[in-house]
Structure formats: C-alpha cells, structure tokens
Amino acid sequence: MKRYHCATELAVDLIGGKWKPVILAHLKEGAHRYGELRRRMPGVSEKMLTQQLRELAADGIVRREEFDGRVPHVEYHLTAVGEELRPALTALYEWGERRAADRGITFG
C-alpha cells in the first residue's frame, strides 16, 4: 500500500493532474457518455481520457454504467464519494472564473 504523509497528498494523488479535475467538473453537471466528455475536452487524447476514467472508477469516485439496447452505450456518473467533491469542484471553478476575469481570458 502506498504511504502518504498528509491528507492533501492523498487527495492530489486521487484527483490531481491535468484531466481528472476537468472530468469531475463535467460529471458534477450530471451523467455523461464517453463521446460527450471527448467533445467537451478536445485537448485530451482518447487514450488519456480512457485511462483517467478507469483510474477514477477504480478509486470509487466515478461509476461506469453500461446500457444495452439498439445502440449500446456507456455513461459515467459521480459516485457518492465523488459527490463529496462537489463543493471543492465548485470552489475551484469559481476561483478559475475570477482569475480568468482578472486576466481578460475567455473560454471557447
């Protein structure tokens, strides 16, 4: 088992990096299919998105749900553990909005 020296180190290990917080921010809005996440995150490769989703699922933060039907598909949701991140994700988003406004940065 990996050894951590503080709780922040564990948290960053579980949800840190360039893409995991972005994935979680999108899933905070509700369930998304893989393709929806890809469209919302044009800078991420398919390989990286798949890897990050697998890691988040393995850590119990995201749930992968398969649907059978005429057109089978997969949706990703926040788990109860992932939902606990909602206030932190909202605070991070709002902080980013303020920094963007201060610097004249627009998104799109």
PDB file of N, CA and C in Angstrom:
ATOM      1  N   MET A   1       0.843  -1.173   0.000  1.00  0.00           N
ATOM      2  CA  MET A   1       0.000   0.000   0.000  1.00  0.00           C
ATOM      3  C   MET A   1       0.892   1.241   0.000  1.00  0.00           C
ATOM      4  N   LYS A   2       0.482   2.221  -0.788  1.00  0.00           N
ATOM      5  CA  LYS A   2       1.245   3.465  -0.887  1.00  0.00           C
ATOM      6  C   LYS A   2       1.162   4.231   0.426  1.00  0.00           C
ATOM      7  N   ARG A   3       2.252   4.869   0.782  1.00  0.00           N
ATOM      8  CA  ARG A   3       2.300   5.619   2.029  1.00  0.00           C
ATOM      9  C   ARG A   3       2.180   7.112   1.741  1.00  0.00           C
ATOM     10  N   TYR A   4       1.312   7.764   2.477  1.00  0.00           N
ATOM     11  CA  TYR A   4       1.114   9.212   2.341  1.00  0.00           C
ATOM     12  C   TYR A   4       1.538   9.894   3.629  1.00  0.00           C
ATOM     13  N   HIS A   5       1.961  11.148   3.508  1.00  0.00           N
ATOM     14  CA  HIS A   5       2.421  11.898   4.664  1.00  0.00           C
ATOM     15  C   HIS A   5       1.438  12.971   5.099  1.00  0.00           C
ATOM     16  N   CYS A   6       0.410  13.211   4.278  1.00  0.00           N
ATOM     17  CA  CYS A   6      -0.665  14.122   4.676  1.00  0.00           C
ATOM     18  C   CYS A   6      -1.881  13.864   3.787  1.00  0.00           C
ATOM     19  N   ALA A   7      -3.034  14.337   4.240  1.00  0.00           N
ATOM     20  CA  ALA A   7      -4.288  14.099   3.526  1.00  0.00           C
ATOM     21  C   ALA A   7      -4.309  14.768   2.155  1.00  0.00           C
ATOM     22  N   THR A   8      -3.670  15.926   2.027  1.00  0.00           N
ATOM     23  CA  THR A   8      -3.634  16.616   0.742  1.00  0.00           C
ATOM     24  C   THR A   8      -2.877  15.793  -0.294  1.00  0.00           C
ATOM     25  N   GLU A   9      -1.834  15.143   0.120  1.00  0.00           N
ATOM     26  CA  GLU A   9      -1.057  14.284  -0.773  1.00  0.00           C
ATOM     27  C   GLU A   9      -1.941  13.156  -1.324  1.00  0.00           C
ATOM     28  N   LEU A  10      -2.745  12.550  -0.467  1.00  0.00           N
ATOM     29  CA  LEU A  10      -3.669  11.508  -0.900  1.00  0.00           C
ATOM     30  C   LEU A  10      -4.700  12.082  -1.873  1.00  0.00           C
ATOM     31  N   ALA A  11      -5.296  13.218  -1.527  1.00  0.00           N
ATOM     32  CA  ALA A  11      -6.326  13.823  -2.379  1.00  0.00           C
ATOM     33  C   ALA A  11      -5.770  14.150  -3.768  1.00  0.00           C
ATOM     34  N   VAL A  12      -4.590  14.745  -3.810  1.00  0.00           N
ATOM     35  CA  VAL A  12      -3.994  15.100  -5.098  1.00  0.00           C
ATOM     36  C   VAL A  12      -3.651  13.838  -5.889  1.00  0.00           C
ATOM     37  N   ASP A  13      -3.226  12.796  -5.210  1.00  0.00           N
ATOM     38  CA  ASP A  13      -2.940  11.535  -5.893  1.00  0.00           C
ATOM     39  C   ASP A  13      -4.203  10.968  -6.543  1.00  0.00           C
ATOM     40  N   LEU A  14      -5.334  11.098  -5.863  1.00  0.00           N
ATOM     41  CA  LEU A  14      -6.593  10.533  -6.369  1.00  0.00           C
ATOM     42  C   LEU A  14      -7.248  11.382  -7.453  1.00  0.00           C
ATOM     43  N   ILE A  15      -7.206  12.695  -7.319  1.00  0.00           N
ATOM     44  CA  ILE A  15      -7.937  13.536  -8.272  1.00  0.00           C
ATOM     45  C   ILE A  15      -7.070  14.579  -8.962  1.00  0.00           C
ATOM     46  N   GLY A  16      -5.758  14.509  -8.765  1.00  0.00           N
ATOM     47  CA  GLY A  16      -4.877  15.515  -9.345  1.00  0.00           C
ATOM     48  C   GLY A  16      -4.539  15.242 -10.797  1.00  0.00           C
ATOM     49  N   GLY A  17      -3.756  16.119 -11.342  1.00  0.00           N
ATOM     50  CA  GLY A  17      -3.351  16.015 -12.730  1.00  0.00           C
ATOM     51  C   GLY A  17      -4.118  17.002 -13.585  1.00  0.00           C
ATOM     52  N   LYS A  18      -3.860  16.950 -14.865  1.00  0.00           N
ATOM     53  CA  LYS A  18      -4.464  17.910 -15.781  1.00  0.00           C
ATOM     54  C   LYS A  18      -5.918  17.586 -16.075  1.00  0.00           C
ATOM     55  N   TRP A  19      -6.273  16.310 -16.176  1.00  0.00           N
ATOM     56  CA  TRP A  19      -7.590  15.949 -16.700  1.00  0.00           C
ATOM     57  C   TRP A  19      -8.603  15.479 -15.678  1.00  0.00           C
ATOM     58  N   LYS A  20      -8.189  14.860 -14.592  1.00  0.00           N
ATOM     59  CA  LYS A  20      -9.164  14.346 -13.628  1.00  0.00           C
ATOM     60  C   LYS A  20     -10.075  15.439 -13.071  1.00  0.00           C
ATOM     61  N   PRO A  21      -9.559  16.597 -12.659  1.00  0.00           N
ATOM     62  CA  PRO A  21     -10.465  17.631 -12.164  1.00  0.00           C
ATOM     63  C   PRO A  21     -11.442  18.114 -13.233  1.00  0.00           C
ATOM     64  N   VAL A  22     -11.000  18.149 -14.489  1.00  0.00           N
ATOM     65  CA  VAL A  22     -11.879  18.576 -15.582  1.00  0.00           C
ATOM     66  C   VAL A  22     -12.977  17.541 -15.802  1.00  0.00           C
ATOM     67  N   ILE A  23     -12.620  16.276 -15.798  1.00  0.00           N
ATOM     68  CA  ILE A  23     -13.607  15.202 -15.929  1.00  0.00           C
ATOM     69  C   ILE A  23     -14.631  15.316 -14.804  1.00  0.00           C
ATOM     70  N   LEU A  24     -14.151  15.464 -13.587  1.00  0.00           N
ATOM     71  CA  LEU A  24     -15.044  15.548 -12.432  1.00  0.00           C
ATOM     72  C   LEU A  24     -15.945  16.776 -12.511  1.00  0.00           C
ATOM     73  N   ALA A  25     -15.427  17.881 -12.997  1.00  0.00           N
ATOM     74  CA  ALA A  25     -16.243  19.094 -13.141  1.00  0.00           C
ATOM     75  C   ALA A  25     -17.385  18.854 -14.120  1.00  0.00           C
ATOM     76  N   HIS A  26     -17.125  18.150 -15.212  1.00  0.00           N
ATOM     77  CA  HIS A  26     -18.195  17.844 -16.171  1.00  0.00           C
ATOM     78  C   HIS A  26     -19.209  16.869 -15.575  1.00  0.00           C
ATOM     79  N   LEU A  27     -18.720  15.879 -14.859  1.00  0.00           N
ATOM     80  CA  LEU A  27     -19.629  14.895 -14.263  1.00  0.00           C
ATOM     81  C   LEU A  27     -20.429  15.496 -13.109  1.00  0.00           C
ATOM     82  N   LYS A  28     -19.925  16.569 -12.535  1.00  0.00           N
ATOM     83  CA  LYS A  28     -20.673  17.283 -11.486  1.00  0.00           C
ATOM     84  C   LYS A  28     -22.000  17.801 -12.056  1.00  0.00           C
ATOM     85  N   GLU A  29     -22.011  18.090 -13.348  1.00  0.00           N
ATOM     86  CA  GLU A  29     -23.221  18.581 -14.023  1.00  0.00           C
ATOM     87  C   GLU A  29     -24.233  17.466 -14.258  1.00  0.00           C
ATOM     88  N   GLY A  30     -23.790  16.213 -14.195  1.00  0.00           N
ATOM     89  CA  GLY A  30     -24.667  15.072 -14.421  1.00  0.00           C
ATOM     90  C   GLY A  30     -23.942  14.007 -15.222  1.00  0.00           C
ATOM     91  N   ALA A  31     -24.659  12.922 -15.504  1.00  0.00           N
ATOM     92  CA  ALA A  31     -24.081  11.797 -16.238  1.00  0.00           C
ATOM     93  C   ALA A  31     -23.679  12.235 -17.641  1.00  0.00           C
ATOM     94  N   HIS A  32     -22.577  11.677 -18.123  1.00  0.00           N
ATOM     95  CA  HIS A  32     -22.102  11.959 -19.477  1.00  0.00           C
ATOM     96  C   HIS A  32     -21.666  10.661 -20.134  1.00  0.00           C
ATOM     97  N   ARG A  33     -21.929  10.570 -21.417  1.00  0.00           N
ATOM     98  CA  ARG A  33     -21.376   9.486 -22.207  1.00  0.00           C
ATOM     99  C   ARG A  33     -19.926   9.824 -22.531  1.00  0.00           C
ATOM    100  N   TYR A  34     -19.201   8.790 -22.911  1.00  0.00           N
ATOM    101  CA  TYR A  34     -17.790   8.967 -23.251  1.00  0.00           C
ATOM    102  C   TYR A  34     -17.631  10.022 -24.348  1.00  0.00           C
ATOM    103  N   GLY A  35     -18.430   9.918 -25.404  1.00  0.00           N
ATOM    104  CA  GLY A  35     -18.338  10.850 -26.525  1.00  0.00           C
ATOM    105  C   GLY A  35     -18.617  12.287 -26.117  1.00  0.00           C
ATOM    106  N   GLU A  36     -19.540  12.469 -25.186  1.00  0.00           N
ATOM    107  CA  GLU A  36     -19.834  13.819 -24.691  1.00  0.00           C
ATOM    108  C   GLU A  36     -18.614  14.397 -23.978  1.00  0.00           C
ATOM    109  N   LEU A  37     -17.983  13.574 -23.167  1.00  0.00           N
ATOM    110  CA  LEU A  37     -16.780  14.034 -22.474  1.00  0.00           C
ATOM    111  C   LEU A  37     -15.682  14.393 -23.479  1.00  0.00           C
ATOM    112  N   ARG A  38     -15.524  13.583 -24.511  1.00  0.00           N
ATOM    113  CA  ARG A  38     -14.497  13.862 -25.539  1.00  0.00           C
ATOM    114  C   ARG A  38     -14.767  15.205 -26.215  1.00  0.00           C
ATOM    115  N   ARG A  39     -16.023  15.488 -26.535  1.00  0.00           N
ATOM    116  CA  ARG A  39     -16.357  16.758 -27.190  1.00  0.00           C
ATOM    117  C   ARG A  39     -16.124  17.946 -26.260  1.00  0.00           C
ATOM    118  N   ARG A  40     -16.386  17.764 -24.987  1.00  0.00           N
ATOM    119  CA  ARG A  40     -16.196  18.845 -24.025  1.00  0.00           C
ATOM    120  C   ARG A  40     -14.728  19.061 -23.667  1.00  0.00           C
ATOM    121  N   MET A  41     -13.898  18.074 -23.991  1.00  0.00           N
ATOM    122  CA  MET A  41     -12.480  18.127 -23.644  1.00  0.00           C
ATOM    123  C   MET A  41     -11.636  17.858 -24.891  1.00  0.00           C
ATOM    124  N   PRO A  42     -11.660  18.764 -25.862  1.00  0.00           N
ATOM    125  CA  PRO A  42     -10.971  18.490 -27.130  1.00  0.00           C
ATOM    126  C   PRO A  42      -9.462  18.330 -27.006  1.00  0.00           C
ATOM    127  N   GLY A  43      -8.874  18.794 -25.917  1.00  0.00           N
ATOM    128  CA  GLY A  43      -7.429  18.700 -25.756  1.00  0.00           C
ATOM    129  C   GLY A  43      -6.928  17.371 -25.221  1.00  0.00           C
ATOM    130  N   VAL A  44      -7.827  16.501 -24.792  1.00  0.00           N
ATOM    131  CA  VAL A  44      -7.406  15.224 -24.204  1.00  0.00           C
ATOM    132  C   VAL A  44      -7.451  14.135 -25.277  1.00  0.00           C
ATOM    133  N   SER A  45      -6.458  13.252 -25.267  1.00  0.00           N
ATOM    134  CA  SER A  45      -6.461  12.128 -26.208  1.00  0.00           C
ATOM    135  C   SER A  45      -7.444  11.065 -25.723  1.00  0.00           C
ATOM    136  N   GLU A  46      -7.894  10.235 -26.635  1.00  0.00           N
ATOM    137  CA  GLU A  46      -8.800   9.144 -26.255  1.00  0.00           C
ATOM    138  C   GLU A  46      -8.142   8.227 -25.233  1.00  0.00           C
ATOM    139  N   LYS A  47      -6.868   7.928 -25.453  1.00  0.00           N
ATOM    140  CA  LYS A  47      -6.135   7.055 -24.537  1.00  0.00           C
ATOM    141  C   LYS A  47      -6.099   7.648 -23.127  1.00  0.00           C
ATOM    142  N   MET A  48      -5.802   8.944 -23.023  1.00  0.00           N
ATOM    143  CA  MET A  48      -5.700   9.589 -21.716  1.00  0.00           C
ATOM    144  C   MET A  48      -7.063   9.657 -21.036  1.00  0.00           C
ATOM    145  N   LEU A  49      -8.112  10.003 -21.796  1.00  0.00           N
ATOM    146  CA  LEU A  49      -9.445  10.069 -21.208  1.00  0.00           C
ATOM    147  C   LEU A  49      -9.859   8.705 -20.669  1.00  0.00           C
ATOM    148  N   THR A  50      -9.640   7.676 -21.455  1.00  0.00           N
ATOM    149  CA  THR A  50      -9.977   6.315 -21.025  1.00  0.00           C
ATOM    150  C   THR A  50      -9.206   5.938 -19.766  1.00  0.00           C
ATOM    151  N   GLN A  51      -7.916   6.237 -19.750  1.00  0.00           N
ATOM    152  CA  GLN A  51      -7.075   5.912 -18.584  1.00  0.00           C
ATOM    153  C   GLN A  51      -7.551   6.654 -17.342  1.00  0.00           C
ATOM    154  N   GLN A  52      -7.841   7.940 -17.477  1.00  0.00           N
ATOM    155  CA  GLN A  52      -8.265   8.733 -16.330  1.00  0.00           C
ATOM    156  C   GLN A  52      -9.622   8.264 -15.808  1.00  0.00           C
ATOM    157  N   LEU A  53     -10.543   7.944 -16.711  1.00  0.00           N
ATOM    158  CA  LEU A  53     -11.852   7.429 -16.288  1.00  0.00           C
ATOM    159  C   LEU A  53     -11.704   6.092 -15.565  1.00  0.00           C
ATOM    160  N   ARG A  54     -10.839   5.239 -16.055  1.00  0.00           N
ATOM    161  CA  ARG A  54     -10.601   3.943 -15.394  1.00  0.00           C
ATOM    162  C   ARG A  54     -10.035   4.142 -13.991  1.00  0.00           C
ATOM    163  N   GLU A  55      -9.074   5.065 -13.856  1.00  0.00           N
ATOM    164  CA  GLU A  55      -8.484   5.323 -12.541  1.00  0.00           C
ATOM    165  C   GLU A  55      -9.522   5.898 -11.580  1.00  0.00           C
ATOM    166  N   LEU A  56     -10.337   6.841 -12.053  1.00  0.00           N
ATOM    167  CA  LEU A  56     -11.377   7.418 -11.197  1.00  0.00           C
ATOM    168  C   LEU A  56     -12.391   6.355 -10.784  1.00  0.00           C
ATOM    169  N   ALA A  57     -12.713   5.441 -11.695  1.00  0.00           N
ATOM    170  CA  ALA A  57     -13.638   4.348 -11.366  1.00  0.00           C
ATOM    171  C   ALA A  57     -12.994   3.382 -10.369  1.00  0.00           C
ATOM    172  N   ALA A  58     -11.743   3.051 -10.580  1.00  0.00           N
ATOM    173  CA  ALA A  58     -11.041   2.129  -9.675  1.00  0.00           C
ATOM    174  C   ALA A  58     -10.943   2.705  -8.270  1.00  0.00           C
ATOM    175  N   ASP A  59     -10.864   4.031  -8.168  1.00  0.00           N
ATOM    176  CA  ASP A  59     -10.775   4.682  -6.861  1.00  0.00           C
ATOM    177  C   ASP A  59     -12.146   4.967  -6.253  1.00  0.00           C
ATOM    178  N   GLY A  60     -13.209   4.557  -6.941  1.00  0.00           N
ATOM    179  CA  GLY A  60     -14.559   4.700  -6.396  1.00  0.00           C
ATOM    180  C   GLY A  60     -15.129   6.106  -6.482  1.00  0.00           C
ATOM    181  N   ILE A  61     -14.564   6.941  -7.339  1.00  0.00           N
ATOM    182  CA  ILE A  61     -15.018   8.326  -7.464  1.00  0.00           C
ATOM    183  C   ILE A  61     -16.033   8.470  -8.589  1.00  0.00           C
ATOM    184  N   VAL A  62     -15.866   7.645  -9.615  1.00  0.00           N
ATOM    185  CA  VAL A  62     -16.743   7.658 -10.787  1.00  0.00           C
ATOM    186  C   VAL A  62     -17.298   6.255 -10.991  1.00  0.00           C
ATOM    187  N   ARG A  63     -18.539   6.185 -11.447  1.00  0.00           N
ATOM    188  CA  ARG A  63     -19.171   4.895 -11.758  1.00  0.00           C
ATOM    189  C   ARG A  63     -19.407   4.818 -13.257  1.00  0.00           C
ATOM    190  N   ARG A  64     -19.036   3.703 -13.841  1.00  0.00           N
ATOM    191  CA  ARG A  64     -19.239   3.430 -15.267  1.00  0.00           C
ATOM    192  C   ARG A  64     -20.473   2.547 -15.371  1.00  0.00           C
ATOM    193  N   GLU A  65     -21.459   2.998 -16.128  1.00  0.00           N
ATOM    194  CA  GLU A  65     -22.707   2.245 -16.270  1.00  0.00           C
ATOM    195  C   GLU A  65     -22.941   1.915 -17.737  1.00  0.00           C
ATOM    196  N   GLU A  66     -23.091   0.615 -18.017  1.00  0.00           N
ATOM    197  CA  GLU A  66     -23.320   0.144 -19.381  1.00  0.00           C
ATOM    198  C   GLU A  66     -24.805  -0.044 -19.615  1.00  0.00           C
ATOM    199  N   PHE A  67     -25.275   0.363 -20.786  1.00  0.00           N
ATOM    200  CA  PHE A  67     -26.669   0.216 -21.180  1.00  0.00           C
ATOM    201  C   PHE A  67     -26.742  -0.617 -22.450  1.00  0.00           C
ATOM    202  N   ASP A  68     -27.544  -1.678 -22.406  1.00  0.00           N
ATOM    203  CA  ASP A  68     -27.786  -2.484 -23.601  1.00  0.00           C
ATOM    204  C   ASP A  68     -29.017  -1.929 -24.286  1.00  0.00           C
ATOM    205  N   GLY A  69     -29.067  -2.105 -25.561  1.00  0.00           N
ATOM    206  CA  GLY A  69     -30.203  -1.623 -26.325  1.00  0.00           C
ATOM    207  C   GLY A  69     -29.856  -1.665 -27.794  1.00  0.00           C
ATOM    208  N   ARG A  70     -30.697  -1.030 -28.575  1.00  0.00           N
ATOM    209  CA  ARG A  70     -30.406  -0.981 -30.014  1.00  0.00           C
ATOM    210  C   ARG A  70     -29.041  -0.367 -30.262  1.00  0.00           C
ATOM    211  N   VAL A  71     -28.768   0.676 -29.503  1.00  0.00           N
ATOM    212  CA  VAL A  71     -27.456   1.312 -29.573  1.00  0.00           C
ATOM    213  C   VAL A  71     -26.859   1.258 -28.163  1.00  0.00           C
ATOM    214  N   PRO A  72     -26.040   0.224 -27.884  1.00  0.00           N
ATOM    215  CA  PRO A  72     -25.446   0.130 -26.547  1.00  0.00           C
ATOM    216  C   PRO A  72     -24.558   1.349 -26.277  1.00  0.00           C
ATOM    217  N   HIS A  73     -24.548   1.795 -25.037  1.00  0.00           N
ATOM    218  CA  HIS A  73     -23.699   2.919 -24.681  1.00  0.00           C
ATOM    219  C   HIS A  73     -23.295   2.839 -23.215  1.00  0.00           C
ATOM    220  N   VAL A  74     -22.335   3.686 -22.861  1.00  0.00           N
ATOM    221  CA  VAL A  74     -21.801   3.735 -21.502  1.00  0.00           C
ATOM    222  C   VAL A  74     -21.960   5.158 -21.000  1.00  0.00           C
ATOM    223  N   GLU A  75     -22.358   5.284 -19.743  1.00  0.00           N
ATOM    224  CA  GLU A  75     -22.428   6.593 -19.097  1.00  0.00           C
ATOM    225  C   GLU A  75     -21.550   6.581 -17.864  1.00  0.00           C
ATOM    226  N   TYR A  76     -21.027   7.744 -17.550  1.00  0.00           N
ATOM    227  CA  TYR A  76     -20.213   7.920 -16.356  1.00  0.00           C
ATOM    228  C   TYR A  76     -20.931   8.870 -15.409  1.00  0.00           C
ATOM    229  N   HIS A  77     -20.910   8.535 -14.124  1.00  0.00           N
ATOM    230  CA  HIS A  77     -21.566   9.307 -13.076  1.00  0.00           C
ATOM    231  C   HIS A  77     -20.594   9.471 -11.915  1.00  0.00           C
ATOM    232  N   LEU A  78     -20.811  10.496 -11.115  1.00  0.00           N
ATOM    233  CA  LEU A  78     -20.104  10.581  -9.850  1.00  0.00           C
ATOM    234  C   LEU A  78     -20.728   9.581  -8.883  1.00  0.00           C
ATOM    235  N   THR A  79     -19.915   8.910  -8.102  1.00  0.00           N
ATOM    236  CA  THR A  79     -20.418   8.053  -7.032  1.00  0.00           C
ATOM    237  C   THR A  79     -20.724   8.947  -5.824  1.00  0.00           C
ATOM    238  N   ALA A  80     -21.176   8.355  -4.751  1.00  0.00           N
ATOM    239  CA  ALA A  80     -21.398   9.120  -3.516  1.00  0.00           C
ATOM    240  C   ALA A  80     -20.085   9.762  -3.056  1.00  0.00           C
ATOM    241  N   VAL A  81     -18.991   9.038  -3.195  1.00  0.00           N
ATOM    242  CA  VAL A  81     -17.680   9.588  -2.834  1.00  0.00           C
ATOM    243  C   VAL A  81     -17.346  10.763  -3.752  1.00  0.00           C
ATOM    244  N   GLY A  82     -17.618  10.618  -5.038  1.00  0.00           N
ATOM    245  CA  GLY A  82     -17.387  11.696  -5.988  1.00  0.00           C
ATOM    246  C   GLY A  82     -18.246  12.916  -5.698  1.00  0.00           C
ATOM    247  N   GLU A  83     -19.488  12.670  -5.275  1.00  0.00           N
ATOM    248  CA  GLU A  83     -20.393  13.777  -4.941  1.00  0.00           C
ATOM    249  C   GLU A  83     -19.851  14.608  -3.779  1.00  0.00           C
ATOM    250  N   GLU A  84     -19.084  13.980  -2.896  1.00  0.00           N
ATOM    251  CA  GLU A  84     -18.484  14.724  -1.786  1.00  0.00           C
ATOM    252  C   GLU A  84     -17.518  15.792  -2.277  1.00  0.00           C
ATOM    253  N   LEU A  85     -17.045  15.662  -3.512  1.00  0.00           N
ATOM    254  CA  LEU A  85     -16.122  16.637  -4.096  1.00  0.00           C
ATOM    255  C   LEU A  85     -16.838  17.863  -4.664  1.00  0.00           C
ATOM    256  N   ARG A  86     -18.154  17.808  -4.760  1.00  0.00           N
ATOM    257  CA  ARG A  86     -18.932  18.887  -5.389  1.00  0.00           C
ATOM    258  C   ARG A  86     -18.549  20.278  -4.855  1.00  0.00           C
ATOM    259  N   PRO A  87     -18.528  20.525  -3.535  1.00  0.00           N
ATOM    260  CA  PRO A  87     -18.160  21.865  -3.057  1.00  0.00           C
ATOM    261  C   PRO A  87     -16.749  22.284  -3.478  1.00  0.00           C
ATOM    262  N   ALA A  88     -15.811  21.356  -3.452  1.00  0.00           N
ATOM    263  CA  ALA A  88     -14.442  21.676  -3.852  1.00  0.00           C
ATOM    264  C   ALA A  88     -14.367  21.978  -5.343  1.00  0.00           C
ATOM    265  N   LEU A  89     -15.091  21.219  -6.155  1.00  0.00           N
ATOM    266  CA  LEU A  89     -15.101  21.453  -7.599  1.00  0.00           C
ATOM    267  C   LEU A  89     -15.746  22.797  -7.928  1.00  0.00           C
ATOM    268  N   THR A  90     -16.816  23.128  -7.222  1.00  0.00           N
ATOM    269  CA  THR A  90     -17.478  24.419  -7.430  1.00  0.00           C
ATOM    270  C   THR A  90     -16.545  25.557  -7.043  1.00  0.00           C
ATOM    271  N   ALA A  91     -15.880  25.426  -5.913  1.00  0.00           N
ATOM    272  CA  ALA A  91     -14.946  26.463  -5.470  1.00  0.00           C
ATOM    273  C   ALA A  91     -13.796  26.624  -6.471  1.00  0.00           C
ATOM    274  N   LEU A  92     -13.282  25.530  -6.989  1.00  0.00           N
ATOM    275  CA  LEU A  92     -12.197  25.577  -7.961  1.00  0.00           C
ATOM    276  C   LEU A  92     -12.662  26.267  -9.249  1.00  0.00           C
ATOM    277  N   TYR A  93     -13.868  25.953  -9.703  1.00  0.00           N
ATOM    278  CA  TYR A  93     -14.432  26.578 -10.902  1.00  0.00           C
ATOM    279  C   TYR A  93     -14.595  28.086 -10.702  1.00  0.00           C
ATOM    280  N   GLU A  94     -15.166  28.465  -9.579  1.00  0.00           N
ATOM    281  CA  GLU A  94     -15.393  29.888  -9.311  1.00  0.00           C
ATOM    282  C   GLU A  94     -14.072  30.643  -9.190  1.00  0.00           C
ATOM    283  N   TRP A  95     -13.085  30.027  -8.575  1.00  0.00           N
ATOM    284  CA  TRP A  95     -11.771  30.636  -8.471  1.00  0.00           C
ATOM    285  C   TRP A  95     -11.181  30.843  -9.866  1.00  0.00           C
ATOM    286  N   GLY A  96     -11.309  29.837 -10.729  1.00  0.00           N
ATOM    287  CA  GLY A  96     -10.825  29.938 -12.101  1.00  0.00           C
ATOM    288  C   GLY A  96     -11.534  31.028 -12.886  1.00  0.00           C
ATOM    289  N   GLU A  97     -12.840  31.163 -12.676  1.00  0.00           N
ATOM    290  CA  GLU A  97     -13.594  32.235 -13.343  1.00  0.00           C
ATOM    291  C   GLU A  97     -13.056  33.605 -12.939  1.00  0.00           C
ATOM    292  N   ARG A  98     -12.807  33.802 -11.645  1.00  0.00           N
ATOM    293  CA  ARG A  98     -12.279  35.084 -11.166  1.00  0.00           C
ATOM    294  C   ARG A  98     -10.896  35.372 -11.750  1.00  0.00           C
ATOM    295  N   ARG A  99     -10.038  34.357 -11.786  1.00  0.00           N
ATOM    296  CA  ARG A  99      -8.698  34.558 -12.348  1.00  0.00           C
ATOM    297  C   ARG A  99      -8.797  34.882 -13.837  1.00  0.00           C
ATOM    298  N   ALA A 100      -9.698  34.207 -14.549  1.00  0.00           N
ATOM    299  CA  ALA A 100      -9.879  34.490 -15.976  1.00  0.00           C
ATOM    300  C   ALA A 100     -10.352  35.916 -16.186  1.00  0.00           C
ATOM    301  N   ALA A 101     -11.292  36.375 -15.388  1.00  0.00           N
ATOM    302  CA  ALA A 101     -11.804  37.749 -15.498  1.00  0.00           C
ATOM    303  C   ALA A 101     -10.688  38.752 -15.209  1.00  0.00           C
ATOM    304  N   ASP A 102      -9.886  38.486 -14.198  1.00  0.00           N
ATOM    305  CA  ASP A 102      -8.774  39.382 -13.843  1.00  0.00           C
ATOM    306  C   ASP A 102      -7.762  39.507 -14.983  1.00  0.00           C
ATOM    307  N   ARG A 103      -7.609  38.437 -15.719  1.00  0.00           N
ATOM    308  CA  ARG A 103      -6.586  38.404 -16.771  1.00  0.00           C
ATOM    309  C   ARG A 103      -7.156  38.607 -18.171  1.00  0.00           C
ATOM    310  N   GLY A 104      -8.457  38.804 -18.280  1.00  0.00           N
ATOM    311  CA  GLY A 104      -9.075  39.005 -19.588  1.00  0.00           C
ATOM    312  C   GLY A 104      -9.090  37.751 -20.452  1.00  0.00           C
ATOM    313  N   ILE A 105      -9.120  36.591 -19.806  1.00  0.00           N
ATOM    314  CA  ILE A 105      -9.116  35.318 -20.532  1.00  0.00           C
ATOM    315  C   ILE A 105     -10.561  34.912 -20.824  1.00  0.00           C
ATOM    316  N   THR A 106     -10.823  34.484 -22.055  1.00  0.00           N
ATOM    317  CA  THR A 106     -12.132  33.956 -22.417  1.00  0.00           C
ATOM    318  C   THR A 106     -11.979  32.485 -22.770  1.00  0.00           C
ATOM    319  N   PHE A 107     -13.055  31.760 -22.670  1.00  0.00           N
ATOM    320  CA  PHE A 107     -13.028  30.325 -22.916  1.00  0.00           C
ATOM    321  C   PHE A 107     -13.771  30.018 -24.203  1.00  0.00           C
ATOM    322  N   GLY A 108     -13.342  28.928 -24.851  1.00  0.00           N
ATOM    323  CA  GLY A 108     -14.068  28.501 -26.031  1.00  0.00           C
ATOM    324  C   GLY A 108     -13.249  27.980 -27.091  1.00  0.00           C
TER     325      GLY A 108
END
